[in-house]
Amino acid sequence: MKKLSIFIAVILTITLLLPQGCTKDTLVDDFMCEENERITYDDVRSILTTKCSQNTACHVPSGVSPDYTSYEKALPSLKEDGFENRVIVVGDMPVAGWPQLDSLEFYKIRCWIEGGYLEE
């Protein structure tokens, strides 16, 4: 019985001292936009409206932030002001506390960017 207790104690000690298997896992993003799918401003307009303009009062006409309410107003700032970096890479937009993008919205915006910010 004493040998069994020692054996169990040794196994538990080894188990606790071994590195845990999930500590260095990383998210693998293998999503790819469909080659023949054309995502346009019309496809993402409602996302930009609900997540960036209407509910936040941020990206609106005469606002402090760039205006995303029309393609003509949005395009220059989207390309120059780091929209892709903030939304796709860093992921700090929309800011915490405001309505966040769900996965479908995120990938739709990502494919729109990868497709060249098409208007129509």
N, C-alpha and C. Protein backbone atom coordinates (compact mmCIF):
# COMPACT_ATOMS: atom_id res chain seq x y z
N MET A 1 0.82 -1.20 0.00
CA MET A 1 0.00 0.00 0.00
C MET A 1 0.86 1.26 0.00
N LYS A 2 2.00 1.19 0.75
CA LYS A 2 2.89 2.33 0.81
C LYS A 2 3.50 2.60 -0.57
N LYS A 3 3.84 1.55 -1.32
CA LYS A 3 4.41 1.73 -2.65
C LYS A 3 3.40 2.37 -3.59
N LEU A 4 2.13 2.00 -3.47
CA LEU A 4 1.09 2.59 -4.30
C LEU A 4 0.93 4.07 -3.99
N SER A 5 0.99 4.43 -2.73
CA SER A 5 0.87 5.84 -2.33
C SER A 5 2.04 6.66 -2.87
N ILE A 6 3.24 6.09 -2.79
CA ILE A 6 4.42 6.78 -3.32
C ILE A 6 4.31 6.92 -4.83
N PHE A 7 3.88 5.86 -5.51
CA PHE A 7 3.71 5.88 -6.96
C PHE A 7 2.72 6.97 -7.37
N ILE A 8 1.60 7.06 -6.69
CA ILE A 8 0.59 8.07 -7.00
C ILE A 8 1.14 9.47 -6.75
N ALA A 9 1.89 9.64 -5.66
CA ALA A 9 2.48 10.94 -5.34
C ALA A 9 3.49 11.35 -6.42
N VAL A 10 4.29 10.41 -6.89
CA VAL A 10 5.27 10.69 -7.95
C VAL A 10 4.56 11.08 -9.24
N ILE A 11 3.54 10.33 -9.62
CA ILE A 11 2.79 10.63 -10.85
C ILE A 11 2.15 12.01 -10.77
N LEU A 12 1.53 12.33 -9.65
CA LEU A 12 0.90 13.65 -9.48
C LEU A 12 1.95 14.76 -9.54
N THR A 13 3.09 14.55 -8.93
CA THR A 13 4.16 15.56 -8.94
C THR A 13 4.66 15.78 -10.36
N ILE A 14 4.91 14.71 -11.09
CA ILE A 14 5.37 14.83 -12.48
C ILE A 14 4.33 15.54 -13.33
N THR A 15 3.08 15.18 -13.16
CA THR A 15 2.00 15.79 -13.93
C THR A 15 1.92 17.29 -13.67
N LEU A 16 2.05 17.69 -12.43
CA LEU A 16 1.97 19.10 -12.08
C LEU A 16 3.20 19.89 -12.54
N LEU A 17 4.34 19.24 -12.64
CA LEU A 17 5.56 19.93 -13.03
C LEU A 17 5.75 20.02 -14.54
N LEU A 18 5.09 19.17 -15.29
CA LEU A 18 5.21 19.21 -16.74
C LEU A 18 4.52 20.46 -17.28
N PRO A 19 5.07 21.05 -18.34
CA PRO A 19 4.41 22.21 -18.94
C PRO A 19 3.01 21.84 -19.42
N GLN A 20 2.10 22.74 -19.26
CA GLN A 20 0.73 22.50 -19.70
C GLN A 20 0.66 22.66 -21.22
N GLY A 21 -0.12 21.83 -21.87
CA GLY A 21 -0.15 21.75 -23.33
C GLY A 21 -0.79 22.91 -24.05
N CYS A 22 -1.65 23.69 -23.45
CA CYS A 22 -2.39 24.72 -24.18
C CYS A 22 -1.88 26.13 -23.92
N THR A 23 -0.76 26.28 -23.29
CA THR A 23 -0.32 27.63 -22.92
C THR A 23 0.19 28.46 -24.09
N LYS A 24 0.58 27.85 -25.18
CA LYS A 24 1.14 28.61 -26.29
C LYS A 24 0.32 28.44 -27.56
N ASP A 25 -0.93 28.08 -27.43
CA ASP A 25 -1.78 27.95 -28.60
C ASP A 25 -2.02 29.33 -29.21
N THR A 26 -2.13 29.37 -30.51
CA THR A 26 -2.46 30.61 -31.20
C THR A 26 -3.63 30.35 -32.14
N LEU A 27 -4.39 31.38 -32.37
CA LEU A 27 -5.52 31.29 -33.28
C LEU A 27 -5.00 31.24 -34.71
N VAL A 28 -5.43 30.26 -35.44
CA VAL A 28 -5.03 30.14 -36.84
C VAL A 28 -6.17 30.70 -37.68
N ASP A 29 -5.86 31.75 -38.40
CA ASP A 29 -6.86 32.38 -39.24
C ASP A 29 -6.65 31.89 -40.67
N ASP A 30 -7.42 30.90 -41.05
CA ASP A 30 -7.27 30.36 -42.40
C ASP A 30 -8.42 30.77 -43.31
N PHE A 31 -9.16 31.79 -42.89
CA PHE A 31 -10.27 32.28 -43.70
C PHE A 31 -9.73 32.94 -44.96
N MET A 32 -10.35 32.65 -46.06
CA MET A 32 -9.97 33.30 -47.33
C MET A 32 -11.24 33.80 -48.01
N CYS A 33 -11.14 34.99 -48.57
CA CYS A 33 -12.26 35.55 -49.30
C CYS A 33 -12.43 34.76 -50.61
N GLU A 34 -13.67 34.60 -51.02
CA GLU A 34 -13.95 33.91 -52.28
C GLU A 34 -13.42 34.75 -53.43
N GLU A 35 -12.73 34.11 -54.36
CA GLU A 35 -12.13 34.84 -55.48
C GLU A 35 -13.16 35.54 -56.36
N ASN A 36 -14.29 34.91 -56.57
CA ASN A 36 -15.29 35.50 -57.47
C ASN A 36 -16.34 36.32 -56.72
N GLU A 37 -16.20 36.48 -55.43
CA GLU A 37 -17.17 37.26 -54.66
C GLU A 37 -16.78 38.73 -54.66
N ARG A 38 -17.70 39.57 -55.07
CA ARG A 38 -17.46 41.01 -55.10
C ARG A 38 -18.20 41.66 -53.94
N ILE A 39 -17.46 42.08 -52.94
CA ILE A 39 -18.06 42.82 -51.82
C ILE A 39 -17.90 44.30 -52.15
N THR A 40 -19.00 45.03 -52.11
CA THR A 40 -18.98 46.45 -52.46
C THR A 40 -19.39 47.29 -51.25
N TYR A 41 -19.27 48.60 -51.42
CA TYR A 41 -19.69 49.52 -50.37
C TYR A 41 -21.14 49.28 -49.99
N ASP A 42 -21.97 48.98 -50.98
CA ASP A 42 -23.38 48.70 -50.68
C ASP A 42 -23.51 47.51 -49.73
N ASP A 43 -22.60 46.53 -49.84
CA ASP A 43 -22.64 45.36 -48.96
C ASP A 43 -22.22 45.68 -47.53
N VAL A 44 -21.34 46.65 -47.36
CA VAL A 44 -20.84 46.97 -46.01
C VAL A 44 -21.44 48.26 -45.44
N ARG A 45 -22.20 48.97 -46.23
CA ARG A 45 -22.77 50.24 -45.77
C ARG A 45 -23.56 50.08 -44.47
N SER A 46 -24.39 49.05 -44.39
CA SER A 46 -25.20 48.87 -43.17
C SER A 46 -24.32 48.56 -41.95
N ILE A 47 -23.22 47.86 -42.17
CA ILE A 47 -22.30 47.58 -41.07
C ILE A 47 -21.65 48.88 -40.60
N LEU A 48 -21.14 49.66 -41.54
CA LEU A 48 -20.51 50.93 -41.19
C LEU A 48 -21.50 51.86 -40.52
N THR A 49 -22.74 51.83 -40.98
CA THR A 49 -23.76 52.69 -40.39
C THR A 49 -24.07 52.29 -38.95
N THR A 50 -24.34 51.01 -38.73
CA THR A 50 -24.74 50.58 -37.39
C THR A 50 -23.57 50.50 -36.40
N LYS A 51 -22.40 50.12 -36.88
CA LYS A 51 -21.29 49.91 -35.95
C LYS A 51 -20.34 51.10 -35.85
N CYS A 52 -20.36 52.01 -36.83
CA CYS A 52 -19.39 53.10 -36.84
C CYS A 52 -20.03 54.50 -36.82
N SER A 53 -21.27 54.60 -37.24
CA SER A 53 -21.87 55.93 -37.37
C SER A 53 -23.10 56.11 -36.49
N GLN A 54 -24.17 55.44 -36.86
CA GLN A 54 -25.48 55.64 -36.25
C GLN A 54 -25.47 55.40 -34.73
N ASN A 55 -24.97 54.28 -34.29
CA ASN A 55 -25.01 53.95 -32.87
C ASN A 55 -23.88 54.58 -32.06
N THR A 56 -22.87 55.09 -32.72
CA THR A 56 -21.73 55.64 -32.00
C THR A 56 -21.61 57.14 -32.11
N ALA A 57 -22.21 57.72 -33.14
CA ALA A 57 -22.10 59.15 -33.44
C ALA A 57 -20.65 59.55 -33.70
N CYS A 58 -19.83 58.60 -34.13
CA CYS A 58 -18.41 58.89 -34.39
C CYS A 58 -18.15 59.27 -35.85
N HIS A 59 -18.40 58.35 -36.76
CA HIS A 59 -18.06 58.55 -38.16
C HIS A 59 -19.26 59.10 -38.92
N VAL A 60 -19.60 60.34 -38.59
CA VAL A 60 -20.78 61.01 -39.14
C VAL A 60 -20.35 62.35 -39.74
N PRO A 61 -21.22 62.97 -40.56
CA PRO A 61 -20.89 64.29 -41.10
C PRO A 61 -20.61 65.28 -39.97
N SER A 62 -19.60 66.09 -40.15
CA SER A 62 -19.19 67.12 -39.19
C SER A 62 -18.75 66.54 -37.85
N GLY A 63 -18.43 65.27 -37.82
CA GLY A 63 -17.93 64.65 -36.60
C GLY A 63 -16.43 64.82 -36.48
N VAL A 64 -15.90 64.42 -35.34
CA VAL A 64 -14.46 64.51 -35.11
C VAL A 64 -13.72 63.47 -35.96
N SER A 65 -14.33 62.31 -36.12
CA SER A 65 -13.73 61.21 -36.88
C SER A 65 -14.12 61.31 -38.35
N PRO A 66 -13.41 60.59 -39.22
CA PRO A 66 -13.80 60.59 -40.64
C PRO A 66 -15.24 60.13 -40.85
N ASP A 67 -15.88 60.69 -41.83
CA ASP A 67 -17.29 60.42 -42.15
C ASP A 67 -17.40 59.17 -43.02
N TYR A 68 -18.13 58.15 -42.54
CA TYR A 68 -18.31 56.90 -43.29
C TYR A 68 -19.73 56.77 -43.86
N THR A 69 -20.49 57.85 -43.87
CA THR A 69 -21.88 57.76 -44.28
C THR A 69 -22.08 57.70 -45.79
N SER A 70 -21.07 57.99 -46.57
CA SER A 70 -21.16 57.82 -48.02
C SER A 70 -19.82 57.33 -48.54
N TYR A 71 -19.86 56.66 -49.67
CA TYR A 71 -18.63 56.11 -50.25
C TYR A 71 -17.64 57.23 -50.57
N GLU A 72 -18.13 58.31 -51.16
CA GLU A 72 -17.26 59.41 -51.56
C GLU A 72 -16.55 60.02 -50.36
N LYS A 73 -17.24 60.14 -49.24
CA LYS A 73 -16.64 60.72 -48.04
C LYS A 73 -15.76 59.70 -47.31
N ALA A 74 -16.16 58.46 -47.35
CA ALA A 74 -15.45 57.43 -46.58
C ALA A 74 -14.15 56.98 -47.22
N LEU A 75 -14.13 56.81 -48.53
CA LEU A 75 -13.00 56.17 -49.20
C LEU A 75 -11.64 56.80 -48.89
N PRO A 76 -11.48 58.11 -49.00
CA PRO A 76 -10.15 58.66 -48.72
C PRO A 76 -9.66 58.35 -47.30
N SER A 77 -10.53 58.50 -46.33
CA SER A 77 -10.11 58.26 -44.96
C SER A 77 -9.91 56.77 -44.68
N LEU A 78 -10.70 55.92 -45.31
CA LEU A 78 -10.55 54.48 -45.11
C LEU A 78 -9.16 54.02 -45.55
N LYS A 79 -8.71 54.54 -46.66
CA LYS A 79 -7.41 54.13 -47.20
C LYS A 79 -6.25 54.81 -46.49
N GLU A 80 -6.43 56.02 -46.03
CA GLU A 80 -5.32 56.80 -45.47
C GLU A 80 -5.23 56.75 -43.95
N ASP A 81 -6.31 56.57 -43.26
CA ASP A 81 -6.31 56.70 -41.81
C ASP A 81 -6.19 55.38 -41.05
N GLY A 82 -5.78 54.33 -41.71
CA GLY A 82 -5.53 53.08 -41.01
C GLY A 82 -6.76 52.27 -40.66
N PHE A 83 -7.82 52.40 -41.45
CA PHE A 83 -9.05 51.65 -41.21
C PHE A 83 -8.75 50.15 -41.13
N GLU A 84 -8.01 49.64 -42.11
CA GLU A 84 -7.70 48.20 -42.12
C GLU A 84 -6.93 47.80 -40.87
N ASN A 85 -5.95 48.59 -40.50
CA ASN A 85 -5.16 48.27 -39.31
C ASN A 85 -6.02 48.28 -38.05
N ARG A 86 -6.84 49.29 -37.88
CA ARG A 86 -7.63 49.43 -36.66
C ARG A 86 -8.73 48.38 -36.56
N VAL A 87 -9.37 48.04 -37.68
CA VAL A 87 -10.49 47.10 -37.66
C VAL A 87 -10.03 45.65 -37.79
N ILE A 88 -9.12 45.38 -38.70
CA ILE A 88 -8.73 44.01 -39.02
C ILE A 88 -7.50 43.55 -38.23
N VAL A 89 -6.44 44.31 -38.25
CA VAL A 89 -5.18 43.88 -37.64
C VAL A 89 -5.20 44.03 -36.12
N VAL A 90 -5.35 45.26 -35.64
CA VAL A 90 -5.33 45.52 -34.20
C VAL A 90 -6.65 45.13 -33.56
N GLY A 91 -7.74 45.41 -34.25
CA GLY A 91 -9.06 45.05 -33.75
C GLY A 91 -9.58 45.93 -32.63
N ASP A 92 -9.13 47.19 -32.58
CA ASP A 92 -9.63 48.08 -31.53
C ASP A 92 -10.75 49.00 -32.00
N MET A 93 -11.27 48.72 -33.18
CA MET A 93 -12.44 49.44 -33.69
C MET A 93 -13.47 48.43 -34.12
N PRO A 94 -14.70 48.63 -33.80
CA PRO A 94 -15.25 49.66 -32.94
C PRO A 94 -14.68 49.56 -31.52
N VAL A 95 -14.61 50.70 -30.86
CA VAL A 95 -14.02 50.74 -29.52
C VAL A 95 -14.88 49.96 -28.54
N ALA A 96 -14.27 49.49 -27.49
CA ALA A 96 -14.98 48.75 -26.45
C ALA A 96 -16.14 49.59 -25.92
N GLY A 97 -17.23 48.93 -25.67
CA GLY A 97 -18.41 49.61 -25.16
C GLY A 97 -19.43 49.95 -26.25
N TRP A 98 -19.00 49.94 -27.50
CA TRP A 98 -19.90 50.18 -28.62
C TRP A 98 -20.23 48.84 -29.27
N PRO A 99 -21.26 48.79 -30.11
CA PRO A 99 -21.60 47.53 -30.77
C PRO A 99 -20.40 46.98 -31.54
N GLN A 100 -20.06 45.73 -31.29
CA GLN A 100 -18.90 45.10 -31.92
C GLN A 100 -19.31 44.35 -33.19
N LEU A 101 -18.34 44.10 -34.05
CA LEU A 101 -18.58 43.34 -35.27
C LEU A 101 -18.74 41.87 -34.94
N ASP A 102 -19.73 41.23 -35.53
CA ASP A 102 -19.79 39.77 -35.40
C ASP A 102 -18.87 39.20 -36.47
N SER A 103 -18.67 37.89 -36.48
CA SER A 103 -17.69 37.30 -37.40
C SER A 103 -18.06 37.52 -38.86
N LEU A 104 -19.34 37.44 -39.20
CA LEU A 104 -19.75 37.67 -40.58
C LEU A 104 -19.47 39.11 -41.00
N GLU A 105 -19.77 40.07 -40.15
CA GLU A 105 -19.49 41.47 -40.46
C GLU A 105 -17.99 41.71 -40.61
N PHE A 106 -17.22 41.12 -39.71
CA PHE A 106 -15.76 41.26 -39.75
C PHE A 106 -15.21 40.76 -41.08
N TYR A 107 -15.61 39.55 -41.47
CA TYR A 107 -15.09 38.99 -42.71
C TYR A 107 -15.62 39.69 -43.95
N LYS A 108 -16.82 40.22 -43.87
CA LYS A 108 -17.35 40.97 -45.01
C LYS A 108 -16.52 42.25 -45.22
N ILE A 109 -16.21 42.93 -44.13
CA ILE A 109 -15.37 44.13 -44.23
C ILE A 109 -13.97 43.75 -44.69
N ARG A 110 -13.45 42.67 -44.15
CA ARG A 110 -12.11 42.22 -44.56
C ARG A 110 -12.06 41.92 -46.06
N CYS A 111 -13.06 41.22 -46.58
CA CYS A 111 -13.09 40.90 -48.00
C CYS A 111 -13.30 42.15 -48.85
N TRP A 112 -14.04 43.11 -48.34
CA TRP A 112 -14.22 44.37 -49.05
C TRP A 112 -12.87 45.09 -49.18
N ILE A 113 -12.11 45.11 -48.09
CA ILE A 113 -10.79 45.73 -48.12
C ILE A 113 -9.87 44.99 -49.08
N GLU A 114 -9.82 43.65 -48.93
CA GLU A 114 -8.95 42.84 -49.80
C GLU A 114 -9.34 42.96 -51.27
N GLY A 115 -10.62 43.21 -51.52
CA GLY A 115 -11.10 43.36 -52.89
C GLY A 115 -10.86 44.74 -53.47
N GLY A 116 -10.33 45.66 -52.66
CA GLY A 116 -9.99 46.99 -53.17
C GLY A 116 -11.03 48.06 -52.89
N TYR A 117 -11.84 47.90 -51.83
CA TYR A 117 -12.82 48.91 -51.45
C TYR A 117 -13.75 49.26 -52.61
N LEU A 118 -14.33 48.26 -53.24
CA LEU A 118 -15.19 48.49 -54.41
C LEU A 118 -16.43 49.30 -54.02
N GLU A 119 -16.82 50.19 -54.92
CA GLU A 119 -18.05 50.97 -54.69
C GLU A 119 -19.26 50.19 -55.13
N GLU A 120 -19.22 49.61 -56.33
CA GLU A 120 -20.37 48.91 -56.89
C GLU A 120 -19.94 47.57 -57.45
